[in-house]
Amino acid sequence: MAMSYGMEIAMDANQRPSRHMPFFMPAQSMAASANATTTILKTDVITSVSLFVLIPLLLLVTPVIGLVVLISLLISLLLMGLTGLIGLESLVGRIVQLATRNAQGD
């Protein structure tokens, strides 16, 4: 059974724990965490919140781009909040419709 070189090194390090990992192993770990981060960034809330961390850096480096990013972020958060409210109202409406449909008359 063929194993990747990284797996062989990891298994070898497991048998001899005093030996250090080679220098390229952190890069492989970072690649796995970058993939997980990309998956997390597909959700709107975490992406929007993480952009607030980048805004002070952008304002220091290039104030114009930082302000554009800040305004677009605030607009997107506002629109996400408004669409969330609309979704909740329709959810309540569906529950009422289901309740009236299932009600039995005389």
PDB file of N, CA and C in Angstrom:
ATOM      1  N   MET A   1       0.856  -1.173   0.000  1.00  0.00           N
ATOM      2  CA  MET A   1       0.000   0.000   0.000  1.00  0.00           C
ATOM      3  C   MET A   1       0.896   1.228   0.000  1.00  0.00           C
ATOM      4  N   ALA A   2       0.672   2.111  -0.923  1.00  0.00           N
ATOM      5  CA  ALA A   2       1.518   3.297  -1.041  1.00  0.00           C
ATOM      6  C   ALA A   2       1.082   4.352  -0.032  1.00  0.00           C
ATOM      7  N   MET A   3       2.060   4.932   0.646  1.00  0.00           N
ATOM      8  CA  MET A   3       1.798   6.005   1.596  1.00  0.00           C
ATOM      9  C   MET A   3       2.496   7.261   1.117  1.00  0.00           C
ATOM     10  N   SER A   4       1.937   8.400   1.469  1.00  0.00           N
ATOM     11  CA  SER A   4       2.614   9.642   1.123  1.00  0.00           C
ATOM     12  C   SER A   4       3.824   9.813   2.036  1.00  0.00           C
ATOM     13  N   TYR A   5       4.751  10.626   1.573  1.00  0.00           N
ATOM     14  CA  TYR A   5       5.976  10.835   2.331  1.00  0.00           C
ATOM     15  C   TYR A   5       5.680  11.475   3.684  1.00  0.00           C
ATOM     16  N   GLY A   6       4.681  12.365   3.715  1.00  0.00           N
ATOM     17  CA  GLY A   6       4.313  13.016   4.974  1.00  0.00           C
ATOM     18  C   GLY A   6       3.775  12.034   5.994  1.00  0.00           C
ATOM     19  N   MET A   7       2.994  11.056   5.534  1.00  0.00           N
ATOM     20  CA  MET A   7       2.465  10.053   6.456  1.00  0.00           C
ATOM     21  C   MET A   7       3.578   9.177   7.005  1.00  0.00           C
ATOM     22  N   GLU A   8       4.542   8.840   6.152  1.00  0.00           N
ATOM     23  CA  GLU A   8       5.668   8.031   6.622  1.00  0.00           C
ATOM     24  C   GLU A   8       6.442   8.772   7.706  1.00  0.00           C
ATOM     25  N   ILE A   9       6.666  10.058   7.497  1.00  0.00           N
ATOM     26  CA  ILE A   9       7.410  10.846   8.489  1.00  0.00           C
ATOM     27  C   ILE A   9       6.614  10.948   9.781  1.00  0.00           C
ATOM     28  N   ALA A  10       5.297  11.163   9.672  1.00  0.00           N
ATOM     29  CA  ALA A  10       4.474  11.270  10.870  1.00  0.00           C
ATOM     30  C   ALA A  10       4.457   9.959  11.643  1.00  0.00           C
ATOM     31  N   MET A  11       4.366   8.836  10.947  1.00  0.00           N
ATOM     32  CA  MET A  11       4.370   7.545  11.630  1.00  0.00           C
ATOM     33  C   MET A  11       5.733   7.268  12.256  1.00  0.00           C
ATOM     34  N   ASP A  12       6.789   7.670  11.568  1.00  0.00           N
ATOM     35  CA  ASP A  12       8.130   7.495  12.109  1.00  0.00           C
ATOM     36  C   ASP A  12       8.319   8.364  13.349  1.00  0.00           C
ATOM     37  N   ALA A  13       7.788   9.580  13.319  1.00  0.00           N
ATOM     38  CA  ALA A  13       7.907  10.467  14.478  1.00  0.00           C
ATOM     39  C   ALA A  13       7.088   9.946  15.648  1.00  0.00           C
ATOM     40  N   ASN A  14       6.008   9.253  15.365  1.00  0.00           N
ATOM     41  CA  ASN A  14       5.198   8.677  16.422  1.00  0.00           C
ATOM     42  C   ASN A  14       5.957   7.563  17.136  1.00  0.00           C
ATOM     43  N   GLN A  15       6.746   6.804  16.395  1.00  0.00           N
ATOM     44  CA  GLN A  15       7.504   5.722  17.003  1.00  0.00           C
ATOM     45  C   GLN A  15       8.705   6.259  17.781  1.00  0.00           C
ATOM     46  N   ARG A  16       9.294   7.332  17.290  1.00  0.00           N
ATOM     47  CA  ARG A  16      10.423   7.957  17.994  1.00  0.00           C
ATOM     48  C   ARG A  16      10.061   9.413  18.291  1.00  0.00           C
ATOM     49  N   PRO A  17       9.380   9.690  19.401  1.00  0.00           N
ATOM     50  CA  PRO A  17       8.883  11.042  19.647  1.00  0.00           C
ATOM     51  C   PRO A  17       9.967  12.085  19.892  1.00  0.00           C
ATOM     52  N   SER A  18      11.183  11.670  20.207  1.00  0.00           N
ATOM     53  CA  SER A  18      12.228  12.659  20.471  1.00  0.00           C
ATOM     54  C   SER A  18      12.731  13.306  19.184  1.00  0.00           C
ATOM     55  N   ARG A  19      12.446  12.704  18.041  1.00  0.00           N
ATOM     56  CA  ARG A  19      12.896  13.258  16.771  1.00  0.00           C
ATOM     57  C   ARG A  19      11.929  14.349  16.307  1.00  0.00           C
ATOM     58  N   HIS A  20      12.451  15.430  15.760  1.00  0.00           N
ATOM     59  CA  HIS A  20      11.624  16.555  15.337  1.00  0.00           C
ATOM     60  C   HIS A  20      11.039  16.316  13.954  1.00  0.00           C
ATOM     61  N   MET A  21       9.939  16.978  13.700  1.00  0.00           N
ATOM     62  CA  MET A  21       9.328  16.932  12.378  1.00  0.00           C
ATOM     63  C   MET A  21      10.176  17.750  11.408  1.00  0.00           C
ATOM     64  N   PRO A  22      10.192  17.389  10.150  1.00  0.00           N
ATOM     65  CA  PRO A  22      10.927  18.185   9.172  1.00  0.00           C
ATOM     66  C   PRO A  22      10.265  19.547   8.973  1.00  0.00           C
ATOM     67  N   PHE A  23      10.988  20.455   8.366  1.00  0.00           N
ATOM     68  CA  PHE A  23      10.528  21.834   8.278  1.00  0.00           C
ATOM     69  C   PHE A  23       9.285  22.001   7.407  1.00  0.00           C
ATOM     70  N   PHE A  24       8.998  21.097   6.497  1.00  0.00           N
ATOM     71  CA  PHE A  24       7.857  21.280   5.610  1.00  0.00           C
ATOM     72  C   PHE A  24       6.553  20.756   6.206  1.00  0.00           C
ATOM     73  N   MET A  25       6.585  20.118   7.336  1.00  0.00           N
ATOM     74  CA  MET A  25       5.359  19.608   7.939  1.00  0.00           C
ATOM     75  C   MET A  25       4.413  20.727   8.383  1.00  0.00           C
ATOM     76  N   PRO A  26       4.898  21.857   8.951  1.00  0.00           N
ATOM     77  CA  PRO A  26       3.944  22.920   9.289  1.00  0.00           C
ATOM     78  C   PRO A  26       3.204  23.445   8.063  1.00  0.00           C
ATOM     79  N   ALA A  27       3.850  23.443   6.906  1.00  0.00           N
ATOM     80  CA  ALA A  27       3.177  23.907   5.694  1.00  0.00           C
ATOM     81  C   ALA A  27       2.019  22.985   5.338  1.00  0.00           C
ATOM     82  N   GLN A  28       2.190  21.689   5.551  1.00  0.00           N
ATOM     83  CA  GLN A  28       1.092  20.764   5.281  1.00  0.00           C
ATOM     84  C   GLN A  28      -0.044  20.976   6.274  1.00  0.00           C
ATOM     85  N   SER A  29       0.293  21.274   7.515  1.00  0.00           N
ATOM     86  CA  SER A  29      -0.738  21.548   8.508  1.00  0.00           C
ATOM     87  C   SER A  29      -1.477  22.836   8.175  1.00  0.00           C
ATOM     88  N   MET A  30      -0.731  23.840   7.704  1.00  0.00           N
ATOM     89  CA  MET A  30      -1.369  25.099   7.341  1.00  0.00           C
ATOM     90  C   MET A  30      -2.299  24.921   6.153  1.00  0.00           C
ATOM     91  N   ALA A  31      -1.945  24.054   5.234  1.00  0.00           N
ATOM     92  CA  ALA A  31      -2.817  23.818   4.083  1.00  0.00           C
ATOM     93  C   ALA A  31      -4.141  23.209   4.533  1.00  0.00           C
ATOM     94  N   ALA A  32      -4.084  22.311   5.500  1.00  0.00           N
ATOM     95  CA  ALA A  32      -5.322  21.709   6.008  1.00  0.00           C
ATOM     96  C   ALA A  32      -6.161  22.741   6.747  1.00  0.00           C
ATOM     97  N   SER A  33      -5.521  23.600   7.542  1.00  0.00           N
ATOM     98  CA  SER A  33      -6.286  24.613   8.260  1.00  0.00           C
ATOM     99  C   SER A  33      -6.823  25.673   7.314  1.00  0.00           C
ATOM    100  N   ALA A  34      -6.107  25.967   6.229  1.00  0.00           N
ATOM    101  CA  ALA A  34      -6.618  26.930   5.247  1.00  0.00           C
ATOM    102  C   ALA A  34      -7.868  26.391   4.574  1.00  0.00           C
ATOM    103  N   ASN A  35      -7.906  25.101   4.334  1.00  0.00           N
ATOM    104  CA  ASN A  35      -9.098  24.494   3.744  1.00  0.00           C
ATOM    105  C   ASN A  35     -10.277  24.591   4.704  1.00  0.00           C
ATOM    106  N   ALA A  36     -10.028  24.361   5.985  1.00  0.00           N
ATOM    107  CA  ALA A  36     -11.097  24.483   6.975  1.00  0.00           C
ATOM    108  C   ALA A  36     -11.564  25.924   7.088  1.00  0.00           C
ATOM    109  N   THR A  37     -10.627  26.879   7.020  1.00  0.00           N
ATOM    110  CA  THR A  37     -10.996  28.285   7.088  1.00  0.00           C
ATOM    111  C   THR A  37     -11.846  28.674   5.893  1.00  0.00           C
ATOM    112  N   THR A  38     -11.507  28.150   4.724  1.00  0.00           N
ATOM    113  CA  THR A  38     -12.301  28.446   3.537  1.00  0.00           C
ATOM    114  C   THR A  38     -13.717  27.929   3.705  1.00  0.00           C
ATOM    115  N   THR A  39     -13.862  26.790   4.318  1.00  0.00           N
ATOM    116  CA  THR A  39     -15.197  26.249   4.557  1.00  0.00           C
ATOM    117  C   THR A  39     -15.966  27.127   5.528  1.00  0.00           C
ATOM    118  N   ILE A  40     -15.302  27.612   6.567  1.00  0.00           N
ATOM    119  CA  ILE A  40     -15.961  28.480   7.540  1.00  0.00           C
ATOM    120  C   ILE A  40     -16.335  29.812   6.902  1.00  0.00           C
ATOM    121  N   LEU A  41     -15.484  30.326   6.006  1.00  0.00           N
ATOM    122  CA  LEU A  41     -15.747  31.621   5.398  1.00  0.00           C
ATOM    123  C   LEU A  41     -16.925  31.600   4.435  1.00  0.00           C
ATOM    124  N   LYS A  42     -17.450  30.437   4.098  1.00  0.00           N
ATOM    125  CA  LYS A  42     -18.613  30.386   3.223  1.00  0.00           C
ATOM    126  C   LYS A  42     -19.872  30.856   3.945  1.00  0.00           C
ATOM    127  N   THR A  43     -19.858  30.888   5.268  1.00  0.00           N
ATOM    128  CA  THR A  43     -20.992  31.424   6.003  1.00  0.00           C
ATOM    129  C   THR A  43     -20.847  32.932   6.077  1.00  0.00           C
ATOM    130  N   ASP A  44     -21.957  33.644   6.051  1.00  0.00           N
ATOM    131  CA  ASP A  44     -21.913  35.095   5.961  1.00  0.00           C
ATOM    132  C   ASP A  44     -21.468  35.762   7.254  1.00  0.00           C
ATOM    133  N   VAL A  45     -21.875  35.236   8.389  1.00  0.00           N
ATOM    134  CA  VAL A  45     -21.642  35.931   9.644  1.00  0.00           C
ATOM    135  C   VAL A  45     -20.166  35.947  10.001  1.00  0.00           C
ATOM    136  N   ILE A  46     -19.507  34.816   9.934  1.00  0.00           N
ATOM    137  CA  ILE A  46     -18.093  34.770  10.302  1.00  0.00           C
ATOM    138  C   ILE A  46     -17.264  35.600   9.337  1.00  0.00           C
ATOM    139  N   THR A  47     -17.624  35.592   8.070  1.00  0.00           N
ATOM    140  CA  THR A  47     -16.899  36.391   7.093  1.00  0.00           C
ATOM    141  C   THR A  47     -17.046  37.862   7.405  1.00  0.00           C
ATOM    142  N   SER A  48     -18.242  38.308   7.709  1.00  0.00           N
ATOM    143  CA  SER A  48     -18.471  39.719   7.986  1.00  0.00           C
ATOM    144  C   SER A  48     -17.754  40.157   9.254  1.00  0.00           C
ATOM    145  N   VAL A  49     -17.790  39.324  10.267  1.00  0.00           N
ATOM    146  CA  VAL A  49     -17.128  39.678  11.520  1.00  0.00           C
ATOM    147  C   VAL A  49     -15.612  39.700  11.338  1.00  0.00           C
ATOM    148  N   SER A  50     -15.080  38.767  10.564  1.00  0.00           N
ATOM    149  CA  SER A  50     -13.632  38.752  10.370  1.00  0.00           C
ATOM    150  C   SER A  50     -13.159  39.938   9.544  1.00  0.00           C
ATOM    151  N   LEU A  51     -14.034  40.498   8.722  1.00  0.00           N
ATOM    152  CA  LEU A  51     -13.648  41.683   7.961  1.00  0.00           C
ATOM    153  C   LEU A  51     -13.453  42.896   8.864  1.00  0.00           C
ATOM    154  N   PHE A  52     -14.125  42.935  10.018  1.00  0.00           N
ATOM    155  CA  PHE A  52     -13.924  44.043  10.941  1.00  0.00           C
ATOM    156  C   PHE A  52     -12.494  44.080  11.474  1.00  0.00           C
ATOM    157  N   VAL A  53     -11.832  42.957  11.488  1.00  0.00           N
ATOM    158  CA  VAL A  53     -10.433  42.921  11.924  1.00  0.00           C
ATOM    159  C   VAL A  53      -9.536  43.540  10.862  1.00  0.00           C
ATOM    160  N   LEU A  54      -9.886  43.353   9.603  1.00  0.00           N
ATOM    161  CA  LEU A  54      -9.060  43.874   8.513  1.00  0.00           C
ATOM    162  C   LEU A  54      -9.241  45.369   8.282  1.00  0.00           C
ATOM    163  N   ILE A  55     -10.359  45.930   8.696  1.00  0.00           N
ATOM    164  CA  ILE A  55     -10.635  47.337   8.400  1.00  0.00           C
ATOM    165  C   ILE A  55      -9.625  48.284   9.046  1.00  0.00           C
ATOM    166  N   PRO A  56      -9.242  48.129  10.331  1.00  0.00           N
ATOM    167  CA  PRO A  56      -8.218  49.044  10.864  1.00  0.00           C
ATOM    168  C   PRO A  56      -6.888  48.954  10.116  1.00  0.00           C
ATOM    169  N   LEU A  57      -6.532  47.751   9.681  1.00  0.00           N
ATOM    170  CA  LEU A  57      -5.299  47.619   8.906  1.00  0.00           C
ATOM    171  C   LEU A  57      -5.415  48.328   7.565  1.00  0.00           C
ATOM    172  N   LEU A  58      -6.557  48.184   6.923  1.00  0.00           N
ATOM    173  CA  LEU A  58      -6.763  48.859   5.644  1.00  0.00           C
ATOM    174  C   LEU A  58      -6.796  50.370   5.810  1.00  0.00           C
ATOM    175  N   LEU A  59      -7.370  50.841   6.914  1.00  0.00           N
ATOM    176  CA  LEU A  59      -7.414  52.285   7.143  1.00  0.00           C
ATOM    177  C   LEU A  59      -6.019  52.860   7.365  1.00  0.00           C
ATOM    178  N   LEU A  60      -5.144  52.080   7.971  1.00  0.00           N
ATOM    179  CA  LEU A  60      -3.772  52.555   8.173  1.00  0.00           C
ATOM    180  C   LEU A  60      -2.986  52.576   6.872  1.00  0.00           C
ATOM    181  N   VAL A  61      -3.151  51.542   6.070  1.00  0.00           N
ATOM    182  CA  VAL A  61      -2.370  51.431   4.836  1.00  0.00           C
ATOM    183  C   VAL A  61      -2.940  52.334   3.752  1.00  0.00           C
ATOM    184  N   THR A  62      -4.199  52.149   3.422  1.00  0.00           N
ATOM    185  CA  THR A  62      -4.846  52.962   2.384  1.00  0.00           C
ATOM    186  C   THR A  62      -6.219  53.378   2.893  1.00  0.00           C
ATOM    187  N   PRO A  63      -6.358  54.616   3.323  1.00  0.00           N
ATOM    188  CA  PRO A  63      -7.636  55.053   3.916  1.00  0.00           C
ATOM    189  C   PRO A  63      -8.818  54.982   2.950  1.00  0.00           C
ATOM    190  N   VAL A  64      -8.606  55.251   1.669  1.00  0.00           N
ATOM    191  CA  VAL A  64      -9.723  55.250   0.718  1.00  0.00           C
ATOM    192  C   VAL A  64     -10.284  53.842   0.558  1.00  0.00           C
ATOM    193  N   ILE A  65      -9.409  52.870   0.369  1.00  0.00           N
ATOM    194  CA  ILE A  65      -9.863  51.484   0.216  1.00  0.00           C
ATOM    195  C   ILE A  65     -10.491  50.991   1.516  1.00  0.00           C
ATOM    196  N   GLY A  66      -9.922  51.384   2.648  1.00  0.00           N
ATOM    197  CA  GLY A  66     -10.479  50.992   3.938  1.00  0.00           C
ATOM    198  C   GLY A  66     -11.890  51.508   4.132  1.00  0.00           C
ATOM    199  N   LEU A  67     -12.134  52.765   3.728  1.00  0.00           N
ATOM    200  CA  LEU A  67     -13.479  53.324   3.854  1.00  0.00           C
ATOM    201  C   LEU A  67     -14.467  52.641   2.913  1.00  0.00           C
ATOM    202  N   VAL A  68     -14.020  52.311   1.715  1.00  0.00           N
ATOM    203  CA  VAL A  68     -14.893  51.609   0.768  1.00  0.00           C
ATOM    204  C   VAL A  68     -15.265  50.233   1.318  1.00  0.00           C
ATOM    205  N   VAL A  69     -14.293  49.531   1.880  1.00  0.00           N
ATOM    206  CA  VAL A  69     -14.564  48.206   2.456  1.00  0.00           C
ATOM    207  C   VAL A  69     -15.497  48.337   3.654  1.00  0.00           C
ATOM    208  N   LEU A  70     -15.287  49.358   4.482  1.00  0.00           N
ATOM    209  CA  LEU A  70     -16.140  49.565   5.653  1.00  0.00           C
ATOM    210  C   LEU A  70     -17.579  49.845   5.241  1.00  0.00           C
ATOM    211  N   ILE A  71     -17.769  50.710   4.268  1.00  0.00           N
ATOM    212  CA  ILE A  71     -19.124  51.042   3.821  1.00  0.00           C
ATOM    213  C   ILE A  71     -19.801  49.824   3.191  1.00  0.00           C
ATOM    214  N   SER A  72     -19.071  49.093   2.360  1.00  0.00           N
ATOM    215  CA  SER A  72     -19.674  47.909   1.735  1.00  0.00           C
ATOM    216  C   SER A  72     -19.991  46.834   2.769  1.00  0.00           C
ATOM    217  N   LEU A  73     -19.152  46.715   3.801  1.00  0.00           N
ATOM    218  CA  LEU A  73     -19.417  45.744   4.856  1.00  0.00           C
ATOM    219  C   LEU A  73     -20.668  46.108   5.637  1.00  0.00           C
ATOM    220  N   LEU A  74     -20.802  47.381   5.970  1.00  0.00           N
ATOM    221  CA  LEU A  74     -21.984  47.804   6.713  1.00  0.00           C
ATOM    222  C   LEU A  74     -23.254  47.634   5.883  1.00  0.00           C
ATOM    223  N   ILE A  75     -23.181  47.923   4.595  1.00  0.00           N
ATOM    224  CA  ILE A  75     -24.346  47.732   3.726  1.00  0.00           C
ATOM    225  C   ILE A  75     -24.706  46.252   3.628  1.00  0.00           C
ATOM    226  N   SER A  76     -23.700  45.390   3.502  1.00  0.00           N
ATOM    227  CA  SER A  76     -23.993  43.957   3.399  1.00  0.00           C
ATOM    228  C   SER A  76     -24.579  43.417   4.700  1.00  0.00           C
ATOM    229  N   LEU A  77     -24.074  43.887   5.847  1.00  0.00           N
ATOM    230  CA  LEU A  77     -24.647  43.452   7.124  1.00  0.00           C
ATOM    231  C   LEU A  77     -26.084  43.934   7.273  1.00  0.00           C
ATOM    232  N   LEU A  78     -26.346  45.153   6.828  1.00  0.00           N
ATOM    233  CA  LEU A  78     -27.705  45.681   6.886  1.00  0.00           C
ATOM    234  C   LEU A  78     -28.648  44.858   6.012  1.00  0.00           C
ATOM    235  N   LEU A  79     -28.213  44.537   4.807  1.00  0.00           N
ATOM    236  CA  LEU A  79     -29.053  43.744   3.906  1.00  0.00           C
ATOM    237  C   LEU A  79     -29.265  42.326   4.428  1.00  0.00           C
ATOM    238  N   MET A  80     -28.223  41.739   5.033  1.00  0.00           N
ATOM    239  CA  MET A  80     -28.390  40.393   5.601  1.00  0.00           C
ATOM    240  C   MET A  80     -29.379  40.416   6.753  1.00  0.00           C
ATOM    241  N   GLY A  81     -29.321  41.471   7.571  1.00  0.00           N
ATOM    242  CA  GLY A  81     -30.269  41.591   8.669  1.00  0.00           C
ATOM    243  C   GLY A  81     -31.690  41.763   8.184  1.00  0.00           C
ATOM    244  N   LEU A  82     -31.863  42.579   7.140  1.00  0.00           N
ATOM    245  CA  LEU A  82     -33.207  42.789   6.602  1.00  0.00           C
ATOM    246  C   LEU A  82     -33.762  41.523   5.963  1.00  0.00           C
ATOM    247  N   THR A  83     -32.935  40.789   5.242  1.00  0.00           N
ATOM    248  CA  THR A  83     -33.427  39.549   4.639  1.00  0.00           C
ATOM    249  C   THR A  83     -33.717  38.505   5.709  1.00  0.00           C
ATOM    250  N   GLY A  84     -32.979  38.541   6.804  1.00  0.00           N
ATOM    251  CA  GLY A  84     -33.267  37.624   7.906  1.00  0.00           C
ATOM    252  C   GLY A  84     -34.612  37.917   8.536  1.00  0.00           C
ATOM    253  N   LEU A  85     -34.959  39.210   8.664  1.00  0.00           N
ATOM    254  CA  LEU A  85     -36.264  39.562   9.218  1.00  0.00           C
ATOM    255  C   LEU A  85     -37.392  39.117   8.300  1.00  0.00           C
ATOM    256  N   ILE A  86     -37.199  39.269   7.015  1.00  0.00           N
ATOM    257  CA  ILE A  86     -38.224  38.830   6.065  1.00  0.00           C
ATOM    258  C   ILE A  86     -38.397  37.316   6.147  1.00  0.00           C
ATOM    259  N   GLY A  87     -37.285  36.595   6.280  1.00  0.00           N
ATOM    260  CA  GLY A  87     -37.362  35.142   6.394  1.00  0.00           C
ATOM    261  C   GLY A  87     -38.099  34.708   7.648  1.00  0.00           C
ATOM    262  N   LEU A  88     -37.922  35.441   8.750  1.00  0.00           N
ATOM    263  CA  LEU A  88     -38.610  35.085   9.986  1.00  0.00           C
ATOM    264  C   LEU A  88     -40.105  35.344   9.876  1.00  0.00           C
ATOM    265  N   GLU A  89     -40.481  36.439   9.206  1.00  0.00           N
ATOM    266  CA  GLU A  89     -41.908  36.717   9.051  1.00  0.00           C
ATOM    267  C   GLU A  89     -42.583  35.644   8.208  1.00  0.00           C
ATOM    268  N   SER A  90     -41.928  35.205   7.157  1.00  0.00           N
ATOM    269  CA  SER A  90     -42.536  34.169   6.326  1.00  0.00           C
ATOM    270  C   SER A  90     -42.603  32.845   7.082  1.00  0.00           C
ATOM    271  N   LEU A  91     -41.651  32.608   7.970  1.00  0.00           N
ATOM    272  CA  LEU A  91     -41.684  31.387   8.764  1.00  0.00           C
ATOM    273  C   LEU A  91     -42.878  31.394   9.706  1.00  0.00           C
ATOM    274  N   VAL A  92     -43.137  32.539  10.327  1.00  0.00           N
ATOM    275  CA  VAL A  92     -44.295  32.647  11.216  1.00  0.00           C
ATOM    276  C   VAL A  92     -45.579  32.464  10.420  1.00  0.00           C
ATOM    277  N   GLY A  93     -45.625  33.038   9.216  1.00  0.00           N
ATOM    278  CA  GLY A  93     -46.811  32.887   8.376  1.00  0.00           C
ATOM    279  C   GLY A  93     -47.058  31.436   8.009  1.00  0.00           C
ATOM    280  N   ARG A  94     -46.012  30.697   7.753  1.00  0.00           N
ATOM    281  CA  ARG A  94     -46.165  29.285   7.401  1.00  0.00           C
ATOM    282  C   ARG A  94     -46.719  28.487   8.567  1.00  0.00           C
ATOM    283  N   ILE A  95     -46.273  28.806   9.762  1.00  0.00           N
ATOM    284  CA  ILE A  95     -46.758  28.073  10.934  1.00  0.00           C
ATOM    285  C   ILE A  95     -48.247  28.332  11.127  1.00  0.00           C
ATOM    286  N   VAL A  96     -48.673  29.584  10.941  1.00  0.00           N
ATOM    287  CA  VAL A  96     -50.093  29.907  11.092  1.00  0.00           C
ATOM    288  C   VAL A  96     -50.909  29.189  10.027  1.00  0.00           C
ATOM    289  N   GLN A  97     -50.419  29.152   8.791  1.00  0.00           N
ATOM    290  CA  GLN A  97     -51.154  28.483   7.723  1.00  0.00           C
ATOM    291  C   GLN A  97     -51.270  26.991   7.998  1.00  0.00           C
ATOM    292  N   LEU A  98     -50.205  26.390   8.486  1.00  0.00           N
ATOM    293  CA  LEU A  98     -50.265  24.967   8.793  1.00  0.00           C
ATOM    294  C   LEU A  98     -51.246  24.697   9.928  1.00  0.00           C
ATOM    295  N   ALA A  99     -51.284  25.588  10.912  1.00  0.00           N
ATOM    296  CA  ALA A  99     -52.182  25.389  12.039  1.00  0.00           C
ATOM    297  C   ALA A  99     -53.638  25.508  11.604  1.00  0.00           C
ATOM    298  N   THR A 100     -53.950  26.441  10.699  1.00  0.00           N
ATOM    299  CA  THR A 100     -55.344  26.583  10.263  1.00  0.00           C
ATOM    300  C   THR A 100     -55.753  25.440   9.344  1.00  0.00           C
ATOM    301  N   ARG A 101     -54.823  24.909   8.579  1.00  0.00           N
ATOM    302  CA  ARG A 101     -55.140  23.792   7.696  1.00  0.00           C
ATOM    303  C   ARG A 101     -55.475  22.530   8.487  1.00  0.00           C
ATOM    304  N   ASN A 102     -54.785  22.336   9.587  1.00  0.00           N
ATOM    305  CA  ASN A 102     -54.969  21.113  10.361  1.00  0.00           C
ATOM    306  C   ASN A 102     -56.129  21.200  11.356  1.00  0.00           C
ATOM    307  N   ALA A 103     -56.703  22.384  11.494  1.00  0.00           N
ATOM    308  CA  ALA A 103     -57.800  22.531  12.457  1.00  0.00           C
ATOM    309  C   ALA A 103     -59.040  21.809  11.939  1.00  0.00           C
ATOM    310  N   GLN A 104     -59.737  21.116  12.837  1.00  0.00           N
ATOM    311  CA  GLN A 104     -60.938  20.374  12.439  1.00  0.00           C
ATOM    312  C   GLN A 104     -62.179  21.183  12.832  1.00  0.00           C
ATOM    313  N   GLY A 105     -63.097  21.244  11.920  1.00  0.00           N
ATOM    314  CA  GLY A 105     -64.330  21.999  12.188  1.00  0.00           C
ATOM    315  C   GLY A 105     -65.424  21.109  12.736  1.00  0.00           C
ATOM    316  N   ASP A 106     -66.615  21.721  12.914  1.00  0.00           N
ATOM    317  CA  ASP A 106     -67.751  20.961  13.445  1.00  0.00           C
ATOM    318  C   ASP A 106     -68.246  19.973  12.441  1.00  0.00           C
TER     319      ASP A 106
END
